[in-house]
């Protein structure tokens, strides 16, 4: 599901840009790509695919990751993911430098998760679907968001100027 969600965040943004009647300026393209990324790669990923499974289906989720069932850590991970998911959805309405906080924060978490999944795969031979496959999903999302934010704020330097 996370791979489909990751693809949706990119493909739906490209479809939006293709069918939109508005001019495809660099700023508009980056805005649409970032908004879809925030909704899908942070909002949906964090809240629907992180919070809900870790909180309401912790033992099943643990098995999919290759973790032992019954860990109270699931509760913390669920609320952590849910908090970031809410920030991803809020990015629809709150823009500007809020995007930096939400995007950099989530990317930092995703890079840490990528490292953890790589380590767990190499050291413990954990090839459970939501451990091994997340190496690619989490890593892609982190780099994708950071690159989009860099390009967007480079284009919109006025948002970063202080008075």
Foldseek 3Di string as FASTA:
>chain_A
DLVVLLVCLQVVLVVCVVPDPDDDDVLVSLVSSLLSLLQRVQQCCLQVVQQCCLPPVVCVVCVLQVHHPDDPVSNVRNVVSNVLNVLSNCCVPDDQCSLVVSLQVLLVVLVVLLVVLVCCCVVVVRVRPVRPVSNVSSNCSSVVSVVSVVSNCVVVVVSVDDD
